[in-house]
Amino acid sequence: SAPLASATPPASTANHSPGATDPAANGSAHTAARAIAQPLPEIPDDLREAAYHAIALARFTIHPNGSVDVELVQPTQQPRLNQLLLASLHNWRFFPAIENGKPVESHQDVRVHLVVQ
């Protein structure tokens, strides 16, 4: 069967660009990016034991068009599993962060838990 996974952003994940001011202080509206597609890898039989309860931390750069650049800042212990996971993470899509009514680039860290059944 396919792996189950949960992807959980830490409490504060949206990073403002350098020099950005606090939106609450100047009255501008800011909404954080949110995931709209989160495909996860199919885990081959030979990696199921290694993937059992594996956790990785992915850092996304979310572009204004919703596409992403992603890196594993805390990979799993299994290099091949990391390759499969990273390939899937590149297919994630986001609704971009909005600042002053316009889409802006943002960053988000997401903890990915793989649970193989």
PDB file of N, CA and C in Angstrom:
ATOM      1  N   SER A   1       0.828  -1.183   0.000  1.00  0.00           N
ATOM      2  CA  SER A   1       0.000   0.000   0.000  1.00  0.00           C
ATOM      3  C   SER A   1       0.869   1.241   0.000  1.00  0.00           C
ATOM      4  N   ALA A   2       0.312   2.347  -0.362  1.00  0.00           N
ATOM      5  CA  ALA A   2       1.047   3.600  -0.449  1.00  0.00           C
ATOM      6  C   ALA A   2       1.374   4.120   0.940  1.00  0.00           C
ATOM      7  N   PRO A   3       2.437   4.918   1.052  1.00  0.00           N
ATOM      8  CA  PRO A   3       2.765   5.466   2.360  1.00  0.00           C
ATOM      9  C   PRO A   3       1.748   6.513   2.776  1.00  0.00           C
ATOM     10  N   LEU A   4       1.567   6.640   4.062  1.00  0.00           N
ATOM     11  CA  LEU A   4       0.802   7.748   4.599  1.00  0.00           C
ATOM     12  C   LEU A   4       1.829   8.781   5.010  1.00  0.00           C
ATOM     13  N   ALA A   5       1.488  10.017   4.889  1.00  0.00           N
ATOM     14  CA  ALA A   5       2.428  11.039   5.327  1.00  0.00           C
ATOM     15  C   ALA A   5       1.649  12.240   5.782  1.00  0.00           C
ATOM     16  N   SER A   6       2.242  12.938   6.693  1.00  0.00           N
ATOM     17  CA  SER A   6       1.681  14.216   7.065  1.00  0.00           C
ATOM     18  C   SER A   6       2.779  15.239   6.869  1.00  0.00           C
ATOM     19  N   ALA A   7       2.402  16.377   6.396  1.00  0.00           N
ATOM     20  CA  ALA A   7       3.349  17.451   6.175  1.00  0.00           C
ATOM     21  C   ALA A   7       2.902  18.608   7.047  1.00  0.00           C
ATOM     22  N   THR A   8       3.737  18.955   7.997  1.00  0.00           N
ATOM     23  CA  THR A   8       3.347  19.940   8.991  1.00  0.00           C
ATOM     24  C   THR A   8       4.324  21.099   9.016  1.00  0.00           C
ATOM     25  N   PRO A   9       3.854  22.302   8.685  1.00  0.00           N
ATOM     26  CA  PRO A   9       4.767  23.431   8.824  1.00  0.00           C
ATOM     27  C   PRO A   9       4.943  23.782  10.297  1.00  0.00           C
ATOM     28  N   PRO A  10       6.141  24.148  10.721  1.00  0.00           N
ATOM     29  CA  PRO A  10       6.327  24.624  12.088  1.00  0.00           C
ATOM     30  C   PRO A  10       5.482  25.877  12.338  1.00  0.00           C
ATOM     31  N   ALA A  11       5.395  26.307  13.564  1.00  0.00           N
ATOM     32  CA  ALA A  11       4.479  27.385  13.956  1.00  0.00           C
ATOM     33  C   ALA A  11       4.640  28.643  13.115  1.00  0.00           C
ATOM     34  N   SER A  12       5.853  29.085  12.894  1.00  0.00           N
ATOM     35  CA  SER A  12       6.046  30.306  12.117  1.00  0.00           C
ATOM     36  C   SER A  12       6.965  29.984  10.956  1.00  0.00           C
ATOM     37  N   THR A  13       6.417  29.963   9.738  1.00  0.00           N
ATOM     38  CA  THR A  13       7.205  29.509   8.598  1.00  0.00           C
ATOM     39  C   THR A  13       7.370  30.547   7.512  1.00  0.00           C
ATOM     40  N   ALA A  14       6.535  31.556   7.474  1.00  0.00           N
ATOM     41  CA  ALA A  14       6.634  32.544   6.403  1.00  0.00           C
ATOM     42  C   ALA A  14       7.747  33.522   6.741  1.00  0.00           C
ATOM     43  N   ASN A  15       8.687  33.669   5.837  1.00  0.00           N
ATOM     44  CA  ASN A  15       9.778  34.612   6.042  1.00  0.00           C
ATOM     45  C   ASN A  15       9.547  35.824   5.166  1.00  0.00           C
ATOM     46  N   HIS A  16       9.615  36.980   5.753  1.00  0.00           N
ATOM     47  CA  HIS A  16       9.495  38.201   4.966  1.00  0.00           C
ATOM     48  C   HIS A  16      10.829  38.465   4.287  1.00  0.00           C
ATOM     49  N   SER A  17      10.804  39.210   3.207  1.00  0.00           N
ATOM     50  CA  SER A  17      12.042  39.574   2.545  1.00  0.00           C
ATOM     51  C   SER A  17      12.828  40.501   3.457  1.00  0.00           C
ATOM     52  N   PRO A  18      14.150  40.575   3.285  1.00  0.00           N
ATOM     53  CA  PRO A  18      14.953  41.433   4.150  1.00  0.00           C
ATOM     54  C   PRO A  18      14.431  42.872   4.104  1.00  0.00           C
ATOM     55  N   GLY A  19      14.361  43.476   5.253  1.00  0.00           N
ATOM     56  CA  GLY A  19      13.903  44.852   5.318  1.00  0.00           C
ATOM     57  C   GLY A  19      12.396  44.999   5.364  1.00  0.00           C
ATOM     58  N   ALA A  20      11.655  43.905   5.287  1.00  0.00           N
ATOM     59  CA  ALA A  20      10.196  43.997   5.324  1.00  0.00           C
ATOM     60  C   ALA A  20       9.757  44.435   6.719  1.00  0.00           C
ATOM     61  N   THR A  21       8.724  45.220   6.755  1.00  0.00           N
ATOM     62  CA  THR A  21       8.226  45.662   8.053  1.00  0.00           C
ATOM     63  C   THR A  21       7.091  44.754   8.492  1.00  0.00           C
ATOM     64  N   ASP A  22       6.758  44.822   9.749  1.00  0.00           N
ATOM     65  CA  ASP A  22       5.661  44.029  10.293  1.00  0.00           C
ATOM     66  C   ASP A  22       4.356  44.508   9.676  1.00  0.00           C
ATOM     67  N   PRO A  23       3.612  43.629   8.965  1.00  0.00           N
ATOM     68  CA  PRO A  23       2.364  44.055   8.324  1.00  0.00           C
ATOM     69  C   PRO A  23       1.375  44.663   9.310  1.00  0.00           C
ATOM     70  N   ALA A  24       1.359  44.184  10.549  1.00  0.00           N
ATOM     71  CA  ALA A  24       0.412  44.718  11.518  1.00  0.00           C
ATOM     72  C   ALA A  24       0.745  46.171  11.866  1.00  0.00           C
ATOM     73  N   ALA A  25       2.029  46.508  11.777  1.00  0.00           N
ATOM     74  CA  ALA A  25       2.451  47.852  12.157  1.00  0.00           C
ATOM     75  C   ALA A  25       2.047  48.897  11.115  1.00  0.00           C
ATOM     76  N   ASN A  26       2.053  48.512   9.836  1.00  0.00           N
ATOM     77  CA  ASN A  26       1.750  49.508   8.811  1.00  0.00           C
ATOM     78  C   ASN A  26       0.400  49.271   8.136  1.00  0.00           C
ATOM     79  N   GLY A  27      -0.356  48.295   8.606  1.00  0.00           N
ATOM     80  CA  GLY A  27      -1.703  48.080   8.094  1.00  0.00           C
ATOM     81  C   GLY A  27      -1.772  47.308   6.792  1.00  0.00           C
ATOM     82  N   SER A  28      -0.641  46.838   6.244  1.00  0.00           N
ATOM     83  CA  SER A  28      -0.691  46.081   4.997  1.00  0.00           C
ATOM     84  C   SER A  28      -1.153  44.654   5.283  1.00  0.00           C
ATOM     85  N   ALA A  29      -1.774  44.046   4.294  1.00  0.00           N
ATOM     86  CA  ALA A  29      -2.279  42.689   4.464  1.00  0.00           C
ATOM     87  C   ALA A  29      -1.223  41.694   4.005  1.00  0.00           C
ATOM     88  N   HIS A  30      -1.019  40.648   4.780  1.00  0.00           N
ATOM     89  CA  HIS A  30      -0.091  39.584   4.401  1.00  0.00           C
ATOM     90  C   HIS A  30      -0.744  38.250   4.732  1.00  0.00           C
ATOM     91  N   THR A  31      -0.788  37.361   3.750  1.00  0.00           N
ATOM     92  CA  THR A  31      -1.236  36.004   4.019  1.00  0.00           C
ATOM     93  C   THR A  31      -0.125  35.061   3.600  1.00  0.00           C
ATOM     94  N   ALA A  32       0.117  34.049   4.414  1.00  0.00           N
ATOM     95  CA  ALA A  32       1.180  33.085   4.143  1.00  0.00           C
ATOM     96  C   ALA A  32       0.787  32.171   2.990  1.00  0.00           C
ATOM     97  N   ALA A  33       1.807  31.626   2.324  1.00  0.00           N
ATOM     98  CA  ALA A  33       1.574  30.639   1.272  1.00  0.00           C
ATOM     99  C   ALA A  33       0.937  29.405   1.877  1.00  0.00           C
ATOM    100  N   ARG A  34       0.118  28.697   1.078  1.00  0.00           N
ATOM    101  CA  ARG A  34      -0.456  27.444   1.556  1.00  0.00           C
ATOM    102  C   ARG A  34      -0.399  26.401   0.445  1.00  0.00           C
ATOM    103  N   ALA A  35      -0.145  25.170   0.848  1.00  0.00           N
ATOM    104  CA  ALA A  35      -0.011  24.072  -0.110  1.00  0.00           C
ATOM    105  C   ALA A  35      -1.359  23.730  -0.714  1.00  0.00           C
ATOM    106  N   ILE A  36      -1.390  23.520  -2.029  1.00  0.00           N
ATOM    107  CA  ILE A  36      -2.616  23.097  -2.702  1.00  0.00           C
ATOM    108  C   ILE A  36      -2.445  21.737  -3.365  1.00  0.00           C
ATOM    109  N   ALA A  37      -1.201  21.256  -3.500  1.00  0.00           N
ATOM    110  CA  ALA A  37      -0.940  19.911  -4.019  1.00  0.00           C
ATOM    111  C   ALA A  37       0.290  19.378  -3.302  1.00  0.00           C
ATOM    112  N   GLN A  38       0.147  18.204  -2.659  1.00  0.00           N
ATOM    113  CA  GLN A  38       1.242  17.621  -1.889  1.00  0.00           C
ATOM    114  C   GLN A  38       1.448  16.150  -2.244  1.00  0.00           C
ATOM    115  N   PRO A  39       1.835  15.843  -3.485  1.00  0.00           N
ATOM    116  CA  PRO A  39       2.052  14.434  -3.831  1.00  0.00           C
ATOM    117  C   PRO A  39       3.230  13.850  -3.051  1.00  0.00           C
ATOM    118  N   LEU A  40       3.090  12.591  -2.667  1.00  0.00           N
ATOM    119  CA  LEU A  40       4.140  11.898  -1.922  1.00  0.00           C
ATOM    120  C   LEU A  40       4.633  10.703  -2.725  1.00  0.00           C
ATOM    121  N   PRO A  41       5.865  10.260  -2.443  1.00  0.00           N
ATOM    122  CA  PRO A  41       6.442   9.183  -3.266  1.00  0.00           C
ATOM    123  C   PRO A  41       5.816   7.828  -2.990  1.00  0.00           C
ATOM    124  N   GLU A  42       5.829   6.990  -4.009  1.00  0.00           N
ATOM    125  CA  GLU A  42       5.535   5.574  -3.818  1.00  0.00           C
ATOM    126  C   GLU A  42       6.814   4.949  -3.264  1.00  0.00           C
ATOM    127  N   ILE A  43       6.698   4.214  -2.189  1.00  0.00           N
ATOM    128  CA  ILE A  43       7.871   3.610  -1.553  1.00  0.00           C
ATOM    129  C   ILE A  43       8.043   2.189  -2.076  1.00  0.00           C
ATOM    130  N   PRO A  44       9.172   1.905  -2.752  1.00  0.00           N
ATOM    131  CA  PRO A  44       9.402   0.538  -3.232  1.00  0.00           C
ATOM    132  C   PRO A  44       9.552  -0.433  -2.055  1.00  0.00           C
ATOM    133  N   ASP A  45       9.246  -1.689  -2.305  1.00  0.00           N
ATOM    134  CA  ASP A  45       9.283  -2.706  -1.247  1.00  0.00           C
ATOM    135  C   ASP A  45      10.618  -2.743  -0.512  1.00  0.00           C
ATOM    136  N   ASP A  46      11.730  -2.587  -1.252  1.00  0.00           N
ATOM    137  CA  ASP A  46      13.038  -2.706  -0.610  1.00  0.00           C
ATOM    138  C   ASP A  46      13.361  -1.525   0.308  1.00  0.00           C
ATOM    139  N   LEU A  47      12.572  -0.445   0.248  1.00  0.00           N
ATOM    140  CA  LEU A  47      12.806   0.702   1.125  1.00  0.00           C
ATOM    141  C   LEU A  47      11.762   0.832   2.229  1.00  0.00           C
ATOM    142  N   ARG A  48      10.806  -0.074   2.254  1.00  0.00           N
ATOM    143  CA  ARG A  48       9.710   0.070   3.221  1.00  0.00           C
ATOM    144  C   ARG A  48      10.211   0.072   4.669  1.00  0.00           C
ATOM    145  N   GLU A  49      11.165  -0.807   4.986  1.00  0.00           N
ATOM    146  CA  GLU A  49      11.659  -0.843   6.362  1.00  0.00           C
ATOM    147  C   GLU A  49      12.400   0.450   6.703  1.00  0.00           C
ATOM    148  N   ALA A  50      13.225   0.948   5.773  1.00  0.00           N
ATOM    149  CA  ALA A  50      13.972   2.189   6.003  1.00  0.00           C
ATOM    150  C   ALA A  50      13.027   3.378   6.127  1.00  0.00           C
ATOM    151  N   ALA A  51      11.910   3.350   5.409  1.00  0.00           N
ATOM    152  CA  ALA A  51      10.976   4.470   5.413  1.00  0.00           C
ATOM    153  C   ALA A  51      10.029   4.446   6.603  1.00  0.00           C
ATOM    154  N   TYR A  52      10.011   3.333   7.330  1.00  0.00           N
ATOM    155  CA  TYR A  52       9.070   3.187   8.433  1.00  0.00           C
ATOM    156  C   TYR A  52       9.283   4.306   9.448  1.00  0.00           C
ATOM    157  N   HIS A  53       8.319   5.176   9.561  1.00  0.00           N
ATOM    158  CA  HIS A  53       8.367   6.332  10.462  1.00  0.00           C
ATOM    159  C   HIS A  53       9.536   7.279  10.192  1.00  0.00           C
ATOM    160  N   ALA A  54       9.993   7.363   8.954  1.00  0.00           N
ATOM    161  CA  ALA A  54      11.052   8.311   8.613  1.00  0.00           C
ATOM    162  C   ALA A  54      10.499   9.736   8.644  1.00  0.00           C
ATOM    163  N   ILE A  55      11.336  10.668   9.055  1.00  0.00           N
ATOM    164  CA  ILE A  55      10.948  12.073   9.108  1.00  0.00           C
ATOM    165  C   ILE A  55      12.023  12.891   8.417  1.00  0.00           C
ATOM    166  N   ALA A  56      11.595  13.828   7.589  1.00  0.00           N
ATOM    167  CA  ALA A  56      12.521  14.741   6.924  1.00  0.00           C
ATOM    168  C   ALA A  56      11.989  16.159   7.092  1.00  0.00           C
ATOM    169  N   LEU A  57      12.883  17.130   7.001  1.00  0.00           N
ATOM    170  CA  LEU A  57      12.476  18.527   7.026  1.00  0.00           C
ATOM    171  C   LEU A  57      12.849  19.141   5.687  1.00  0.00           C
ATOM    172  N   ALA A  58      11.830  19.616   4.980  1.00  0.00           N
ATOM    173  CA  ALA A  58      12.023  20.223   3.660  1.00  0.00           C
ATOM    174  C   ALA A  58      11.873  21.735   3.773  1.00  0.00           C
ATOM    175  N   ARG A  59      12.742  22.461   3.084  1.00  0.00           N
ATOM    176  CA  ARG A  59      12.644  23.922   3.024  1.00  0.00           C
ATOM    177  C   ARG A  59      12.228  24.313   1.603  1.00  0.00           C
ATOM    178  N   PHE A  60      11.062  24.950   1.520  1.00  0.00           N
ATOM    179  CA  PHE A  60      10.515  25.379   0.242  1.00  0.00           C
ATOM    180  C   PHE A  60      10.749  26.870   0.036  1.00  0.00           C
ATOM    181  N   THR A  61      11.141  27.235  -1.175  1.00  0.00           N
ATOM    182  CA  THR A  61      11.065  28.618  -1.639  1.00  0.00           C
ATOM    183  C   THR A  61       9.872  28.645  -2.577  1.00  0.00           C
ATOM    184  N   ILE A  62       8.868  29.419  -2.221  1.00  0.00           N
ATOM    185  CA  ILE A  62       7.615  29.449  -2.977  1.00  0.00           C
ATOM    186  C   ILE A  62       7.598  30.723  -3.805  1.00  0.00           C
ATOM    187  N   HIS A  63       7.573  30.554  -5.108  1.00  0.00           N
ATOM    188  CA  HIS A  63       7.610  31.684  -6.028  1.00  0.00           C
ATOM    189  C   HIS A  63       6.215  32.278  -6.200  1.00  0.00           C
ATOM    190  N   PRO A  64       6.125  33.516  -6.674  1.00  0.00           N
ATOM    191  CA  PRO A  64       4.815  34.160  -6.838  1.00  0.00           C
ATOM    192  C   PRO A  64       3.832  33.379  -7.714  1.00  0.00           C
ATOM    193  N   ASN A  65       4.333  32.537  -8.629  1.00  0.00           N
ATOM    194  CA  ASN A  65       3.431  31.751  -9.484  1.00  0.00           C
ATOM    195  C   ASN A  65       3.034  30.418  -8.843  1.00  0.00           C
ATOM    196  N   GLY A  66       3.484  30.152  -7.611  1.00  0.00           N
ATOM    197  CA  GLY A  66       3.121  28.920  -6.904  1.00  0.00           C
ATOM    198  C   GLY A  66       4.090  27.772  -7.124  1.00  0.00           C
ATOM    199  N   SER A  67       5.034  27.913  -8.044  1.00  0.00           N
ATOM    200  CA  SER A  67       6.036  26.860  -8.229  1.00  0.00           C
ATOM    201  C   SER A  67       7.035  26.936  -7.072  1.00  0.00           C
ATOM    202  N   VAL A  68       7.846  25.894  -6.917  1.00  0.00           N
ATOM    203  CA  VAL A  68       8.735  25.821  -5.761  1.00  0.00           C
ATOM    204  C   VAL A  68      10.150  25.408  -6.132  1.00  0.00           C
ATOM    205  N   ASP A  69      11.071  25.809  -5.289  1.00  0.00           N
ATOM    206  CA  ASP A  69      12.395  25.210  -5.194  1.00  0.00           C
ATOM    207  C   ASP A  69      12.410  24.582  -3.816  1.00  0.00           C
ATOM    208  N   VAL A  70      13.019  23.416  -3.683  1.00  0.00           N
ATOM    209  CA  VAL A  70      12.972  22.714  -2.396  1.00  0.00           C
ATOM    210  C   VAL A  70      14.292  22.005  -2.147  1.00  0.00           C
ATOM    211  N   GLU A  71      14.661  21.963  -0.875  1.00  0.00           N
ATOM    212  CA  GLU A  71      15.828  21.201  -0.442  1.00  0.00           C
ATOM    213  C   GLU A  71      15.482  20.505   0.869  1.00  0.00           C
ATOM    214  N   LEU A  72      16.151  19.382   1.108  1.00  0.00           N
ATOM    215  CA  LEU A  72      15.970  18.682   2.381  1.00  0.00           C
ATOM    216  C   LEU A  72      17.017  19.225   3.349  1.00  0.00           C
ATOM    217  N   VAL A  73      16.572  19.992   4.342  1.00  0.00           N
ATOM    218  CA  VAL A  73      17.509  20.540   5.313  1.00  0.00           C
ATOM    219  C   VAL A  73      17.788  19.534   6.429  1.00  0.00           C
ATOM    220  N   GLN A  74      16.879  18.587   6.627  1.00  0.00           N
ATOM    221  CA  GLN A  74      17.109  17.455   7.529  1.00  0.00           C
ATOM    222  C   GLN A  74      16.621  16.207   6.804  1.00  0.00           C
ATOM    223  N   PRO A  75      17.506  15.561   6.032  1.00  0.00           N
ATOM    224  CA  PRO A  75      17.086  14.366   5.286  1.00  0.00           C
ATOM    225  C   PRO A  75      16.902  13.168   6.195  1.00  0.00           C
ATOM    226  N   THR A  76      16.295  12.117   5.644  1.00  0.00           N
ATOM    227  CA  THR A  76      16.196  10.851   6.367  1.00  0.00           C
ATOM    228  C   THR A  76      17.573  10.189   6.351  1.00  0.00           C
ATOM    229  N   GLN A  77      17.689   9.041   7.012  1.00  0.00           N
ATOM    230  CA  GLN A  77      18.962   8.307   7.059  1.00  0.00           C
ATOM    231  C   GLN A  77      19.231   7.531   5.767  1.00  0.00           C
ATOM    232  N   GLN A  78      18.244   7.476   4.849  1.00  0.00           N
ATOM    233  CA  GLN A  78      18.332   6.638   3.653  1.00  0.00           C
ATOM    234  C   GLN A  78      18.456   7.523   2.405  1.00  0.00           C
ATOM    235  N   PRO A  79      19.646   7.572   1.778  1.00  0.00           N
ATOM    236  CA  PRO A  79      19.842   8.452   0.611  1.00  0.00           C
ATOM    237  C   PRO A  79      18.852   8.195  -0.527  1.00  0.00           C
ATOM    238  N   ARG A  80      18.534   6.931  -0.823  1.00  0.00           N
ATOM    239  CA  ARG A  80      17.615   6.641  -1.926  1.00  0.00           C
ATOM    240  C   ARG A  80      16.202   7.138  -1.600  1.00  0.00           C
ATOM    241  N   LEU A  81      15.792   6.985  -0.351  1.00  0.00           N
ATOM    242  CA  LEU A  81      14.497   7.496   0.081  1.00  0.00           C
ATOM    243  C   LEU A  81      14.470   9.021  -0.047  1.00  0.00           C
ATOM    244  N   ASN A  82      15.581   9.679   0.290  1.00  0.00           N
ATOM    245  CA  ASN A  82      15.663  11.132   0.145  1.00  0.00           C
ATOM    246  C   ASN A  82      15.488  11.555  -1.315  1.00  0.00           C
ATOM    247  N   GLN A  83      16.079  10.797  -2.235  1.00  0.00           N
ATOM    248  CA  GLN A  83      15.927  11.108  -3.665  1.00  0.00           C
ATOM    249  C   GLN A  83      14.472  11.005  -4.093  1.00  0.00           C
ATOM    250  N   LEU A  84      13.784   9.934  -3.675  1.00  0.00           N
ATOM    251  CA  LEU A  84      12.376   9.750  -4.027  1.00  0.00           C
ATOM    252  C   LEU A  84      11.518  10.862  -3.423  1.00  0.00           C
ATOM    253  N   LEU A  85      11.794  11.189  -2.173  1.00  0.00           N
ATOM    254  CA  LEU A  85      11.039  12.227  -1.491  1.00  0.00           C
ATOM    255  C   LEU A  85      11.257  13.580  -2.161  1.00  0.00           C
ATOM    256  N   LEU A  86      12.489  13.913  -2.458  1.00  0.00           N
ATOM    257  CA  LEU A  86      12.793  15.197  -3.089  1.00  0.00           C
ATOM    258  C   LEU A  86      12.128  15.311  -4.458  1.00  0.00           C
ATOM    259  N   ALA A  87      12.117  14.219  -5.226  1.00  0.00           N
ATOM    260  CA  ALA A  87      11.445  14.241  -6.537  1.00  0.00           C
ATOM    261  C   ALA A  87       9.957  14.555  -6.365  1.00  0.00           C
ATOM    262  N   SER A  88       9.329  13.975  -5.348  1.00  0.00           N
ATOM    263  CA  SER A  88       7.907  14.254  -5.092  1.00  0.00           C
ATOM    264  C   SER A  88       7.697  15.683  -4.609  1.00  0.00           C
ATOM    265  N   LEU A  89       8.585  16.157  -3.744  1.00  0.00           N
ATOM    266  CA  LEU A  89       8.430  17.513  -3.204  1.00  0.00           C
ATOM    267  C   LEU A  89       8.527  18.574  -4.298  1.00  0.00           C
ATOM    268  N   HIS A  90       9.290  18.306  -5.338  1.00  0.00           N
ATOM    269  CA  HIS A  90       9.387  19.250  -6.464  1.00  0.00           C
ATOM    270  C   HIS A  90       8.054  19.404  -7.189  1.00  0.00           C
ATOM    271  N   ASN A  91       7.140  18.446  -7.013  1.00  0.00           N
ATOM    272  CA  ASN A  91       5.815  18.515  -7.647  1.00  0.00           C
ATOM    273  C   ASN A  91       4.768  19.189  -6.771  1.00  0.00           C
ATOM    274  N   TRP A  92       5.134  19.581  -5.568  1.00  0.00           N
ATOM    275  CA  TRP A  92       4.190  20.296  -4.716  1.00  0.00           C
ATOM    276  C   TRP A  92       3.906  21.661  -5.335  1.00  0.00           C
ATOM    277  N   ARG A  93       2.695  22.121  -5.156  1.00  0.00           N
ATOM    278  CA  ARG A  93       2.299  23.446  -5.630  1.00  0.00           C
ATOM    279  C   ARG A  93       1.645  24.203  -4.495  1.00  0.00           C
ATOM    280  N   PHE A  94       1.844  25.484  -4.488  1.00  0.00           N
ATOM    281  CA  PHE A  94       1.342  26.344  -3.423  1.00  0.00           C
ATOM    282  C   PHE A  94       0.542  27.500  -3.997  1.00  0.00           C
ATOM    283  N   PHE A  95      -0.407  27.975  -3.211  1.00  0.00           N
ATOM    284  CA  PHE A  95      -1.001  29.279  -3.453  1.00  0.00           C
ATOM    285  C   PHE A  95      -0.014  30.233  -2.782  1.00  0.00           C
ATOM    286  N   PRO A  96       0.555  31.191  -3.524  1.00  0.00           N
ATOM    287  CA  PRO A  96       1.655  31.989  -2.979  1.00  0.00           C
ATOM    288  C   PRO A  96       1.217  32.904  -1.834  1.00  0.00           C
ATOM    289  N   ALA A  97       2.209  33.353  -1.091  1.00  0.00           N
ATOM    290  CA  ALA A  97       1.967  34.363  -0.068  1.00  0.00           C
ATOM    291  C   ALA A  97       1.519  35.642  -0.772  1.00  0.00           C
ATOM    292  N   ILE A  98       0.661  36.383  -0.097  1.00  0.00           N
ATOM    293  CA  ILE A  98       0.150  37.639  -0.648  1.00  0.00           C
ATOM    294  C   ILE A  98       0.559  38.772   0.286  1.00  0.00           C
ATOM    295  N   GLU A  99       1.120  39.808  -0.287  1.00  0.00           N
ATOM    296  CA  GLU A  99       1.480  40.986   0.483  1.00  0.00           C
ATOM    297  C   GLU A  99       0.998  42.205  -0.289  1.00  0.00           C
ATOM    298  N   ASN A 100       0.211  43.034   0.369  1.00  0.00           N
ATOM    299  CA  ASN A 100      -0.370  44.220  -0.273  1.00  0.00           C
ATOM    300  C   ASN A 100      -1.120  43.865  -1.550  1.00  0.00           C
ATOM    301  N   GLY A 101      -1.818  42.733  -1.532  1.00  0.00           N
ATOM    302  CA  GLY A 101      -2.640  42.330  -2.666  1.00  0.00           C
ATOM    303  C   GLY A 101      -1.902  41.680  -3.815  1.00  0.00           C
ATOM    304  N   LYS A 102      -0.581  41.473  -3.695  1.00  0.00           N
ATOM    305  CA  LYS A 102       0.203  40.885  -4.784  1.00  0.00           C
ATOM    306  C   LYS A 102       0.923  39.635  -4.296  1.00  0.00           C
ATOM    307  N   PRO A 103       1.025  38.611  -5.180  1.00  0.00           N
ATOM    308  CA  PRO A 103       1.784  37.415  -4.799  1.00  0.00           C
ATOM    309  C   PRO A 103       3.263  37.763  -4.626  1.00  0.00           C
ATOM    310  N   VAL A 104       3.869  37.208  -3.586  1.00  0.00           N
ATOM    311  CA  VAL A 104       5.289  37.452  -3.313  1.00  0.00           C
ATOM    312  C   VAL A 104       5.995  36.133  -3.029  1.00  0.00           C
ATOM    313  N   GLU A 105       7.315  36.130  -3.209  1.00  0.00           N
ATOM    314  CA  GLU A 105       8.109  34.951  -2.865  1.00  0.00           C
ATOM    315  C   GLU A 105       8.139  34.799  -1.350  1.00  0.00           C
ATOM    316  N   SER A 106       8.093  33.558  -0.886  1.00  0.00           N
ATOM    317  CA  SER A 106       8.184  33.286   0.543  1.00  0.00           C
ATOM    318  C   SER A 106       8.922  31.973   0.757  1.00  0.00           C
ATOM    319  N   HIS A 107       9.171  31.670   2.012  1.00  0.00           N
ATOM    320  CA  HIS A 107       9.880  30.445   2.386  1.00  0.00           C
ATOM    321  C   HIS A 107       9.054  29.725   3.433  1.00  0.00           C
ATOM    322  N   GLN A 108       9.103  28.389   3.369  1.00  0.00           N
ATOM    323  CA  GLN A 108       8.342  27.604   4.325  1.00  0.00           C
ATOM    324  C   GLN A 108       9.098  26.313   4.602  1.00  0.00           C
ATOM    325  N   ASP A 109       9.234  25.971   5.880  1.00  0.00           N
ATOM    326  CA  ASP A 109       9.807  24.690   6.281  1.00  0.00           C
ATOM    327  C   ASP A 109       8.657  23.746   6.594  1.00  0.00           C
ATOM    328  N   VAL A 110       8.736  22.528   6.038  1.00  0.00           N
ATOM    329  CA  VAL A 110       7.682  21.543   6.236  1.00  0.00           C
ATOM    330  C   VAL A 110       8.308  20.238   6.717  1.00  0.00           C
ATOM    331  N   ARG A 111       7.802  19.727   7.833  1.00  0.00           N
ATOM    332  CA  ARG A 111       8.251  18.433   8.359  1.00  0.00           C
ATOM    333  C   ARG A 111       7.388  17.356   7.708  1.00  0.00           C
ATOM    334  N   VAL A 112       8.029  16.398   7.039  1.00  0.00           N
ATOM    335  CA  VAL A 112       7.317  15.331   6.333  1.00  0.00           C
ATOM    336  C   VAL A 112       7.535  14.027   7.088  1.00  0.00           C
ATOM    337  N   HIS A 113       6.429  13.417   7.512  1.00  0.00           N
ATOM    338  CA  HIS A 113       6.467  12.130   8.229  1.00  0.00           C
ATOM    339  C   HIS A 113       5.996  11.049   7.260  1.00  0.00           C
ATOM    340  N   LEU A 114       6.845  10.083   6.985  1.00  0.00           N
ATOM    341  CA  LEU A 114       6.455   8.936   6.157  1.00  0.00           C
ATOM    342  C   LEU A 114       6.086   7.785   7.074  1.00  0.00           C
ATOM    343  N   VAL A 115       4.913   7.210   6.859  1.00  0.00           N
ATOM    344  CA  VAL A 115       4.488   6.051   7.639  1.00  0.00           C
ATOM    345  C   VAL A 115       4.086   4.966   6.638  1.00  0.00           C
ATOM    346  N   VAL A 116       4.854   3.898   6.598  1.00  0.00           N
ATOM    347  CA  VAL A 116       4.586   2.819   5.655  1.00  0.00           C
ATOM    348  C   VAL A 116       3.682   1.792   6.321  1.00  0.00           C
ATOM    349  N   GLN A 117       2.656   1.365   5.587  1.00  0.00           N
ATOM    350  CA  GLN A 117       1.750   0.340   6.124  1.00  0.00           C
ATOM    351  C   GLN A 117       1.923  -0.958   5.371  1.00  0.00           C
TER     352      GLN A 117
END
